[in-house]
Amino acid sequence: MFVSCAKIAGTLYAILGLFAGSVISLIALAGGFGSNTSGSGAIGAMIGVGSFVILPICYGAIGFVASLIGAWLYNVLAGMVGGIQLDVQ
């Protein structure tokens, strides 16, 4: 029950990490190639590719764990308090 919520949230956070990694990758590449020092283009490329790969994994894992804890905590508190009641007309 908790894991289904965590899987969805982890996937959404991984997609968000992909977008963030893309932006950071472009910034790192532009900064690396715009620098006057030798070898900075290769360093910018490594940081760019690393952020494109690492950020989605980190964002997805953190989103999965945080939503797993949040769903568990909600279910514990809803059992104690009685949950959320909605009136639909």
Protein backbone atom coordinates (compact mmCIF):
# COMPACT_ATOMS: atom_id res chain seq x y z
CA MET A 1 0.00 0.00 0.00
CA PHE A 2 2.76 2.46 0.90
CA VAL A 3 5.02 1.26 -1.87
CA SER A 4 2.58 2.11 -4.69
CA CYS A 5 2.53 5.76 -3.58
CA ALA A 6 6.31 5.75 -3.22
CA LYS A 7 6.83 4.27 -6.71
CA ILE A 8 4.74 6.98 -8.35
CA ALA A 9 6.43 9.77 -6.37
CA GLY A 10 9.88 8.32 -7.03
CA THR A 11 9.20 8.21 -10.76
CA LEU A 12 7.92 11.78 -10.78
CA TYR A 13 10.95 12.97 -8.85
CA ALA A 14 13.26 11.09 -11.25
CA ILE A 15 11.64 12.92 -14.17
CA LEU A 16 12.12 16.19 -12.30
CA GLY A 17 15.76 15.22 -11.73
CA LEU A 18 16.15 14.58 -15.45
CA PHE A 19 15.03 18.13 -16.20
CA ALA A 20 17.25 19.58 -13.47
CA GLY A 21 20.19 17.48 -14.71
CA SER A 22 19.64 18.74 -18.25
CA VAL A 23 19.75 22.37 -17.14
CA ILE A 24 22.83 21.85 -14.98
CA SER A 25 24.47 19.90 -17.80
CA LEU A 26 23.98 22.76 -20.25
CA ILE A 27 25.26 25.31 -17.73
CA ALA A 28 28.34 23.19 -16.92
CA LEU A 29 29.13 22.66 -20.60
CA ALA A 30 28.75 26.36 -21.40
CA GLY A 31 30.92 27.33 -18.45
CA GLY A 32 33.55 24.74 -19.29
CA PHE A 33 33.83 25.73 -22.93
CA GLY A 34 33.69 29.43 -22.12
CA SER A 35 36.68 29.23 -19.78
CA ASN A 36 40.20 30.18 -20.87
CA THR A 37 42.03 27.41 -18.99
CA SER A 38 43.10 24.27 -20.79
CA GLY A 39 41.12 21.11 -20.13
CA SER A 40 38.14 22.94 -18.67
CA GLY A 41 35.93 21.82 -21.58
CA ALA A 42 36.52 18.19 -20.63
CA ILE A 43 35.81 18.91 -16.97
CA GLY A 44 32.60 20.74 -17.91
CA ALA A 45 31.58 17.79 -20.08
CA MET A 46 32.20 15.32 -17.24
CA ILE A 47 30.19 17.43 -14.79
CA GLY A 48 27.44 17.82 -17.38
CA VAL A 49 27.15 14.11 -18.11
CA GLY A 50 27.47 13.29 -14.41
CA SER A 51 24.63 15.62 -13.47
CA PHE A 52 22.48 14.20 -16.27
CA VAL A 53 22.95 10.68 -14.86
CA ILE A 54 23.32 11.23 -11.11
CA LEU A 55 20.56 13.78 -10.44
CA PRO A 56 17.63 11.66 -11.68
CA ILE A 57 18.86 8.71 -9.60
CA CYS A 58 19.30 10.84 -6.46
CA TYR A 59 16.02 12.74 -6.91
CA GLY A 60 14.14 9.50 -7.57
CA ALA A 61 15.61 7.73 -4.53
CA ILE A 62 15.00 10.65 -2.19
CA GLY A 63 11.44 11.09 -3.54
CA PHE A 64 10.76 7.38 -3.09
CA VAL A 65 11.98 7.30 0.51
CA ALA A 66 10.30 10.59 1.49
CA SER A 67 6.93 9.58 0.04
CA LEU A 68 7.20 6.11 1.58
CA ILE A 69 7.70 7.68 5.00
CA GLY A 70 4.96 10.25 4.30
CA ALA A 71 2.42 7.60 3.24
CA TRP A 72 3.23 5.46 6.27
CA LEU A 73 2.95 8.46 8.59
CA TYR A 74 -0.37 9.49 7.03
CA ASN A 75 -1.83 6.02 7.50
CA VAL A 76 -0.68 5.87 11.12
CA LEU A 77 -2.16 9.28 11.91
CA ALA A 78 -5.34 8.62 9.92
CA GLY A 79 -5.88 5.48 11.97
CA MET A 80 -5.54 7.47 15.18
CA VAL A 81 -7.54 10.54 14.17
CA GLY A 82 -9.99 9.04 11.71
CA GLY A 83 -8.67 10.24 8.37
CA ILE A 84 -9.98 12.93 6.06
CA GLN A 85 -13.71 13.27 5.60
CA LEU A 86 -15.07 14.75 2.36
CA ASP A 87 -18.61 15.91 1.68
CA VAL A 88 -19.39 15.63 -2.04
CA GLN A 89 -22.56 17.14 -3.45
